[in-house]
Amino acid sequence: MKIIRIILATVLVAFCSYGLVTGTTGIMLPYLLLLMGGMFLIMGVIEFQKRKPVAFTSFLVAGFSFFVGIYTI
């Protein structure tokens, strides 16, 4: 899980940097939101395994991010 979170964060930072350099942030926004939703989902699972109450918030943020990402595509 930790490796998947690091990979998602790295890809997210790379896409954000590419979007800022090329000026295509509007086109890439739905894909960035989907990647961010995946990252929050993985973080929520990790926190849920540790029995921390912040896991519920991470799941809500992931769901909202997925919803907005799919809606804007």
PDB file of N, CA and C in Angstrom:
ATOM      1  N   MET A   1       0.807  -1.195   0.000  1.00  0.00           N
ATOM      2  CA  MET A   1       0.000   0.000   0.000  1.00  0.00           C
ATOM      3  C   MET A   1       0.857   1.269   0.000  1.00  0.00           C
ATOM      4  N   LYS A   2       1.940   1.198   0.723  1.00  0.00           N
ATOM      5  CA  LYS A   2       2.805   2.372   0.809  1.00  0.00           C
ATOM      6  C   LYS A   2       3.432   2.681  -0.544  1.00  0.00           C
ATOM      7  N   ILE A   3       3.786   1.638  -1.285  1.00  0.00           N
ATOM      8  CA  ILE A   3       4.387   1.832  -2.605  1.00  0.00           C
ATOM      9  C   ILE A   3       3.376   2.430  -3.574  1.00  0.00           C
ATOM     10  N   ILE A   4       2.128   1.957  -3.499  1.00  0.00           N
ATOM     11  CA  ILE A   4       1.080   2.488  -4.379  1.00  0.00           C
ATOM     12  C   ILE A   4       0.836   3.955  -4.080  1.00  0.00           C
ATOM     13  N   ARG A   5       0.831   4.317  -2.793  1.00  0.00           N
ATOM     14  CA  ARG A   5       0.633   5.722  -2.415  1.00  0.00           C
ATOM     15  C   ARG A   5       1.772   6.594  -2.933  1.00  0.00           C
ATOM     16  N   ILE A   6       2.990   6.108  -2.856  1.00  0.00           N
ATOM     17  CA  ILE A   6       4.139   6.882  -3.343  1.00  0.00           C
ATOM     18  C   ILE A   6       4.075   7.029  -4.858  1.00  0.00           C
ATOM     19  N   ILE A   7       3.687   5.961  -5.552  1.00  0.00           N
ATOM     20  CA  ILE A   7       3.569   6.026  -7.018  1.00  0.00           C
ATOM     21  C   ILE A   7       2.486   7.009  -7.428  1.00  0.00           C
ATOM     22  N   LEU A   8       1.320   6.948  -6.767  1.00  0.00           N
ATOM     23  CA  LEU A   8       0.241   7.884  -7.100  1.00  0.00           C
ATOM     24  C   LEU A   8       0.648   9.322  -6.826  1.00  0.00           C
ATOM     25  N   ALA A   9       1.324   9.567  -5.718  1.00  0.00           N
ATOM     26  CA  ALA A   9       1.768  10.927  -5.395  1.00  0.00           C
ATOM     27  C   ALA A   9       2.787  11.431  -6.407  1.00  0.00           C
ATOM     28  N   THR A  10       3.694  10.559  -6.829  1.00  0.00           N
ATOM     29  CA  THR A  10       4.705  10.954  -7.812  1.00  0.00           C
ATOM     30  C   THR A  10       4.068  11.280  -9.160  1.00  0.00           C
ATOM     31  N   VAL A  11       3.134  10.445  -9.599  1.00  0.00           N
ATOM     32  CA  VAL A  11       2.445  10.691 -10.879  1.00  0.00           C
ATOM     33  C   VAL A  11       1.621  11.966 -10.787  1.00  0.00           C
ATOM     34  N   LEU A  12       0.978  12.189  -9.647  1.00  0.00           N
ATOM     35  CA  LEU A  12       0.173  13.393  -9.459  1.00  0.00           C
ATOM     36  C   LEU A  12       1.034  14.650  -9.529  1.00  0.00           C
ATOM     37  N   VAL A  13       2.177  14.641  -8.873  1.00  0.00           N
ATOM     38  CA  VAL A  13       3.081  15.796  -8.912  1.00  0.00           C
ATOM     39  C   VAL A  13       3.627  16.005 -10.318  1.00  0.00           C
ATOM     40  N   ALA A  14       3.928  14.908 -11.020  1.00  0.00           N
ATOM     41  CA  ALA A  14       4.438  15.028 -12.383  1.00  0.00           C
ATOM     42  C   ALA A  14       3.377  15.632 -13.315  1.00  0.00           C
ATOM     43  N   PHE A  15       2.133  15.170 -13.205  1.00  0.00           N
ATOM     44  CA  PHE A  15       1.061  15.721 -14.048  1.00  0.00           C
ATOM     45  C   PHE A  15       0.787  17.178 -13.712  1.00  0.00           C
ATOM     46  N   CYS A  16       0.805  17.525 -12.422  1.00  0.00           N
ATOM     47  CA  CYS A  16       0.582  18.922 -12.029  1.00  0.00           C
ATOM     48  C   CYS A  16       1.697  19.818 -12.564  1.00  0.00           C
ATOM     49  N   SER A  17       2.921  19.355 -12.471  1.00  0.00           N
ATOM     50  CA  SER A  17       4.042  20.142 -12.990  1.00  0.00           C
ATOM     51  C   SER A  17       3.944  20.311 -14.496  1.00  0.00           C
ATOM     52  N   TYR A  18       3.610  19.244 -15.196  1.00  0.00           N
ATOM     53  CA  TYR A  18       3.455  19.315 -16.647  1.00  0.00           C
ATOM     54  C   TYR A  18       2.326  20.281 -17.027  1.00  0.00           C
ATOM     55  N   GLY A  19       1.220  20.230 -16.295  1.00  0.00           N
ATOM     56  CA  GLY A  19       0.110  21.125 -16.579  1.00  0.00           C
ATOM     57  C   GLY A  19       0.450  22.587 -16.336  1.00  0.00           C
ATOM     58  N   LEU A  20       1.224  22.854 -15.302  1.00  0.00           N
ATOM     59  CA  LEU A  20       1.617  24.232 -15.024  1.00  0.00           C
ATOM     60  C   LEU A  20       2.606  24.762 -16.055  1.00  0.00           C
ATOM     61  N   VAL A  21       3.522  23.902 -16.490  1.00  0.00           N
ATOM     62  CA  VAL A  21       4.521  24.337 -17.461  1.00  0.00           C
ATOM     63  C   VAL A  21       3.882  24.584 -18.819  1.00  0.00           C
ATOM     64  N   THR A  22       2.984  23.709 -19.257  1.00  0.00           N
ATOM     65  CA  THR A  22       2.387  23.833 -20.580  1.00  0.00           C
ATOM     66  C   THR A  22       1.133  24.695 -20.594  1.00  0.00           C
ATOM     67  N   GLY A  23       0.562  24.977 -19.438  1.00  0.00           N
ATOM     68  CA  GLY A  23      -0.642  25.797 -19.383  1.00  0.00           C
ATOM     69  C   GLY A  23      -1.912  25.035 -19.710  1.00  0.00           C
ATOM     70  N   THR A  24      -1.910  23.729 -19.550  1.00  0.00           N
ATOM     71  CA  THR A  24      -3.086  22.911 -19.864  1.00  0.00           C
ATOM     72  C   THR A  24      -3.726  22.349 -18.600  1.00  0.00           C
ATOM     73  N   THR A  25      -3.824  23.163 -17.569  1.00  0.00           N
ATOM     74  CA  THR A  25      -4.384  22.665 -16.317  1.00  0.00           C
ATOM     75  C   THR A  25      -5.870  22.355 -16.439  1.00  0.00           C
ATOM     76  N   GLY A  26      -6.590  23.109 -17.257  1.00  0.00           N
ATOM     77  CA  GLY A  26      -8.020  22.859 -17.426  1.00  0.00           C
ATOM     78  C   GLY A  26      -8.321  21.531 -18.078  1.00  0.00           C
ATOM     79  N   ILE A  27      -7.465  21.126 -18.994  1.00  0.00           N
ATOM     80  CA  ILE A  27      -7.663  19.850 -19.685  1.00  0.00           C
ATOM     81  C   ILE A  27      -7.316  18.684 -18.771  1.00  0.00           C
ATOM     82  N   MET A  28      -6.312  18.853 -17.940  1.00  0.00           N
ATOM     83  CA  MET A  28      -5.826  17.761 -17.107  1.00  0.00           C
ATOM     84  C   MET A  28      -6.531  17.658 -15.764  1.00  0.00           C
ATOM     85  N   LEU A  29      -7.384  18.626 -15.428  1.00  0.00           N
ATOM     86  CA  LEU A  29      -8.006  18.673 -14.115  1.00  0.00           C
ATOM     87  C   LEU A  29      -8.799  17.415 -13.763  1.00  0.00           C
ATOM     88  N   PRO A  30      -9.645  16.862 -14.635  1.00  0.00           N
ATOM     89  CA  PRO A  30     -10.377  15.649 -14.238  1.00  0.00           C
ATOM     90  C   PRO A  30      -9.460  14.474 -13.916  1.00  0.00           C
ATOM     91  N   TYR A  31      -8.393  14.326 -14.664  1.00  0.00           N
ATOM     92  CA  TYR A  31      -7.477  13.222 -14.427  1.00  0.00           C
ATOM     93  C   TYR A  31      -6.699  13.421 -13.129  1.00  0.00           C
ATOM     94  N   LEU A  32      -6.369  14.667 -12.834  1.00  0.00           N
ATOM     95  CA  LEU A  32      -5.698  14.963 -11.568  1.00  0.00           C
ATOM     96  C   LEU A  32      -6.620  14.672 -10.392  1.00  0.00           C
ATOM     97  N   LEU A  33      -7.901  14.998 -10.535  1.00  0.00           N
ATOM     98  CA  LEU A  33      -8.857  14.714  -9.465  1.00  0.00           C
ATOM     99  C   LEU A  33      -9.035  13.213  -9.266  1.00  0.00           C
ATOM    100  N   LEU A  34      -9.044  12.447 -10.348  1.00  0.00           N
ATOM    101  CA  LEU A  34      -9.161  10.994 -10.220  1.00  0.00           C
ATOM    102  C   LEU A  34      -7.930  10.406  -9.537  1.00  0.00           C
ATOM    103  N   LEU A  35      -6.750  10.896  -9.888  1.00  0.00           N
ATOM    104  CA  LEU A  35      -5.533  10.429  -9.220  1.00  0.00           C
ATOM    105  C   LEU A  35      -5.525  10.815  -7.739  1.00  0.00           C
ATOM    106  N   MET A  36      -5.988  12.021  -7.445  1.00  0.00           N
ATOM    107  CA  MET A  36      -6.034  12.454  -6.065  1.00  0.00           C
ATOM    108  C   MET A  36      -7.054  11.636  -5.275  1.00  0.00           C
ATOM    109  N   GLY A  37      -8.175  11.294  -5.911  1.00  0.00           N
ATOM    110  CA  GLY A  37      -9.155  10.436  -5.252  1.00  0.00           C
ATOM    111  C   GLY A  37      -8.587   9.067  -4.949  1.00  0.00           C
ATOM    112  N   GLY A  38      -7.813   8.520  -5.881  1.00  0.00           N
ATOM    113  CA  GLY A  38      -7.170   7.234  -5.638  1.00  0.00           C
ATOM    114  C   GLY A  38      -6.174   7.301  -4.499  1.00  0.00           C
ATOM    115  N   MET A  39      -5.446   8.400  -4.438  1.00  0.00           N
ATOM    116  CA  MET A  39      -4.465   8.564  -3.368  1.00  0.00           C
ATOM    117  C   MET A  39      -5.166   8.675  -2.010  1.00  0.00           C
ATOM    118  N   PHE A  40      -6.247   9.425  -1.936  1.00  0.00           N
ATOM    119  CA  PHE A  40      -6.988   9.537  -0.679  1.00  0.00           C
ATOM    120  C   PHE A  40      -7.654   8.221  -0.301  1.00  0.00           C
ATOM    121  N   LEU A  41      -8.073   7.438  -1.295  1.00  0.00           N
ATOM    122  CA  LEU A  41      -8.652   6.128  -1.009  1.00  0.00           C
ATOM    123  C   LEU A  41      -7.611   5.206  -0.381  1.00  0.00           C
ATOM    124  N   ILE A  42      -6.418   5.189  -0.937  1.00  0.00           N
ATOM    125  CA  ILE A  42      -5.336   4.373  -0.385  1.00  0.00           C
ATOM    126  C   ILE A  42      -4.968   4.866   1.011  1.00  0.00           C
ATOM    127  N   MET A  43      -4.912   6.176   1.190  1.00  0.00           N
ATOM    128  CA  MET A  43      -4.605   6.720   2.514  1.00  0.00           C
ATOM    129  C   MET A  43      -5.692   6.354   3.522  1.00  0.00           C
ATOM    130  N   GLY A  44      -6.949   6.352   3.078  1.00  0.00           N
ATOM    131  CA  GLY A  44      -8.041   5.967   3.962  1.00  0.00           C
ATOM    132  C   GLY A  44      -7.959   4.513   4.378  1.00  0.00           C
ATOM    133  N   VAL A  45      -7.576   3.643   3.454  1.00  0.00           N
ATOM    134  CA  VAL A  45      -7.428   2.222   3.786  1.00  0.00           C
ATOM    135  C   VAL A  45      -6.300   2.025   4.793  1.00  0.00           C
ATOM    136  N   ILE A  46      -5.199   2.726   4.588  1.00  0.00           N
ATOM    137  CA  ILE A  46      -4.068   2.610   5.523  1.00  0.00           C
ATOM    138  C   ILE A  46      -4.478   3.102   6.915  1.00  0.00           C
ATOM    139  N   GLU A  47      -5.177   4.229   6.970  1.00  0.00           N
ATOM    140  CA  GLU A  47      -5.613   4.763   8.260  1.00  0.00           C
ATOM    141  C   GLU A  47      -6.672   3.873   8.895  1.00  0.00           C
ATOM    142  N   PHE A  48      -7.525   3.245   8.087  1.00  0.00           N
ATOM    143  CA  PHE A  48      -8.546   2.348   8.612  1.00  0.00           C
ATOM    144  C   PHE A  48      -7.922   1.112   9.247  1.00  0.00           C
ATOM    145  N   GLN A  49      -6.836   0.629   8.646  1.00  0.00           N
ATOM    146  CA  GLN A  49      -6.130  -0.513   9.220  1.00  0.00           C
ATOM    147  C   GLN A  49      -5.492  -0.169  10.555  1.00  0.00           C
ATOM    148  N   LYS A  50      -5.129   1.102  10.736  1.00  0.00           N
ATOM    149  CA  LYS A  50      -4.551   1.548  12.003  1.00  0.00           C
ATOM    150  C   LYS A  50      -5.630   1.952  13.006  1.00  0.00           C
ATOM    151  N   ARG A  51      -6.899   1.864  12.592  1.00  0.00           N
ATOM    152  CA  ARG A  51      -8.061   2.217  13.442  1.00  0.00           C
ATOM    153  C   ARG A  51      -8.060   3.687  13.848  1.00  0.00           C
ATOM    154  N   LYS A  52      -7.696   4.555  12.926  1.00  0.00           N
ATOM    155  CA  LYS A  52      -7.714   5.989  13.203  1.00  0.00           C
ATOM    156  C   LYS A  52      -9.013   6.578  12.664  1.00  0.00           C
ATOM    157  N   PRO A  53      -9.592   7.539  13.380  1.00  0.00           N
ATOM    158  CA  PRO A  53     -10.875   8.105  12.936  1.00  0.00           C
ATOM    159  C   PRO A  53     -10.774   8.992  11.687  1.00  0.00           C
ATOM    160  N   VAL A  54      -9.582   9.387  11.294  1.00  0.00           N
ATOM    161  CA  VAL A  54      -9.431  10.226  10.107  1.00  0.00           C
ATOM    162  C   VAL A  54      -9.691   9.426   8.833  1.00  0.00           C
ATOM    163  N   ALA A  55      -9.789   8.098   8.926  1.00  0.00           N
ATOM    164  CA  ALA A  55     -10.035   7.253   7.758  1.00  0.00           C
ATOM    165  C   ALA A  55     -11.375   7.591   7.116  1.00  0.00           C
ATOM    166  N   PHE A  56     -12.387   7.855   7.925  1.00  0.00           N
ATOM    167  CA  PHE A  56     -13.709   8.189   7.390  1.00  0.00           C
ATOM    168  C   PHE A  56     -13.649   9.468   6.563  1.00  0.00           C
ATOM    169  N   THR A  57     -12.912  10.449   7.024  1.00  0.00           N
ATOM    170  CA  THR A  57     -12.761  11.697   6.289  1.00  0.00           C
ATOM    171  C   THR A  57     -12.031  11.475   4.970  1.00  0.00           C
ATOM    172  N   SER A  58     -11.023  10.626   4.985  1.00  0.00           N
ATOM    173  CA  SER A  58     -10.295  10.313   3.752  1.00  0.00           C
ATOM    174  C   SER A  58     -11.199   9.635   2.739  1.00  0.00           C
ATOM    175  N   PHE A  59     -12.071   8.737   3.203  1.00  0.00           N
ATOM    176  CA  PHE A  59     -13.013   8.083   2.302  1.00  0.00           C
ATOM    177  C   PHE A  59     -14.004   9.087   1.711  1.00  0.00           C
ATOM    178  N   LEU A  60     -14.452  10.032   2.525  1.00  0.00           N
ATOM    179  CA  LEU A  60     -15.367  11.063   2.013  1.00  0.00           C
ATOM    180  C   LEU A  60     -14.685  11.943   0.969  1.00  0.00           C
ATOM    181  N   VAL A  61     -13.467  12.332   1.235  1.00  0.00           N
ATOM    182  CA  VAL A  61     -12.722  13.168   0.285  1.00  0.00           C
ATOM    183  C   VAL A  61     -12.466  12.401  -1.010  1.00  0.00           C
ATOM    184  N   ALA A  62     -12.140  11.115  -0.898  1.00  0.00           N
ATOM    185  CA  ALA A  62     -11.915  10.291  -2.090  1.00  0.00           C
ATOM    186  C   ALA A  62     -13.192  10.165  -2.912  1.00  0.00           C
ATOM    187  N   GLY A  63     -14.318   9.941  -2.250  1.00  0.00           N
ATOM    188  CA  GLY A  63     -15.591   9.835  -2.965  1.00  0.00           C
ATOM    189  C   GLY A  63     -15.959  11.124  -3.665  1.00  0.00           C
ATOM    190  N   PHE A  64     -15.790  12.248  -2.971  1.00  0.00           N
ATOM    191  CA  PHE A  64     -16.097  13.536  -3.580  1.00  0.00           C
ATOM    192  C   PHE A  64     -15.175  13.823  -4.763  1.00  0.00           C
ATOM    193  N   SER A  65     -13.902  13.492  -4.612  1.00  0.00           N
ATOM    194  CA  SER A  65     -12.937  13.721  -5.684  1.00  0.00           C
ATOM    195  C   SER A  65     -13.259  12.857  -6.905  1.00  0.00           C
ATOM    196  N   PHE A  66     -13.613  11.586  -6.676  1.00  0.00           N
ATOM    197  CA  PHE A  66     -14.014  10.721  -7.786  1.00  0.00           C
ATOM    198  C   PHE A  66     -15.266  11.255  -8.474  1.00  0.00           C
ATOM    199  N   PHE A  67     -16.241  11.709  -7.678  1.00  0.00           N
ATOM    200  CA  PHE A  67     -17.480  12.234  -8.245  1.00  0.00           C
ATOM    201  C   PHE A  67     -17.213  13.451  -9.130  1.00  0.00           C
ATOM    202  N   VAL A  68     -16.436  14.399  -8.628  1.00  0.00           N
ATOM    203  CA  VAL A  68     -16.158  15.609  -9.401  1.00  0.00           C
ATOM    204  C   VAL A  68     -15.303  15.281 -10.626  1.00  0.00           C
ATOM    205  N   GLY A  69     -14.337  14.365 -10.470  1.00  0.00           N
ATOM    206  CA  GLY A  69     -13.495  13.983 -11.589  1.00  0.00           C
ATOM    207  C   GLY A  69     -14.282  13.324 -12.719  1.00  0.00           C
ATOM    208  N   ILE A  70     -15.194  12.432 -12.361  1.00  0.00           N
ATOM    209  CA  ILE A  70     -16.014  11.753 -13.380  1.00  0.00           C
ATOM    210  C   ILE A  70     -17.023  12.719 -13.980  1.00  0.00           C
ATOM    211  N   TYR A  71     -17.585  13.605 -13.141  1.00  0.00           N
ATOM    212  CA  TYR A  71     -18.582  14.561 -13.632  1.00  0.00           C
ATOM    213  C   TYR A  71     -17.978  15.544 -14.629  1.00  0.00           C
ATOM    214  N   THR A  72     -16.717  15.919 -14.458  1.00  0.00           N
ATOM    215  CA  THR A  72     -16.120  16.911 -15.343  1.00  0.00           C
ATOM    216  C   THR A  72     -15.535  16.314 -16.607  1.00  0.00           C
ATOM    217  N   ILE A  73     -15.457  14.989 -16.674  1.00  0.00           N
ATOM    218  CA  ILE A  73     -14.929  14.376 -17.922  1.00  0.00           C
ATOM    219  C   ILE A  73     -15.943  14.471 -18.970  1.00  0.00           C
TER     220      ILE A  73
END
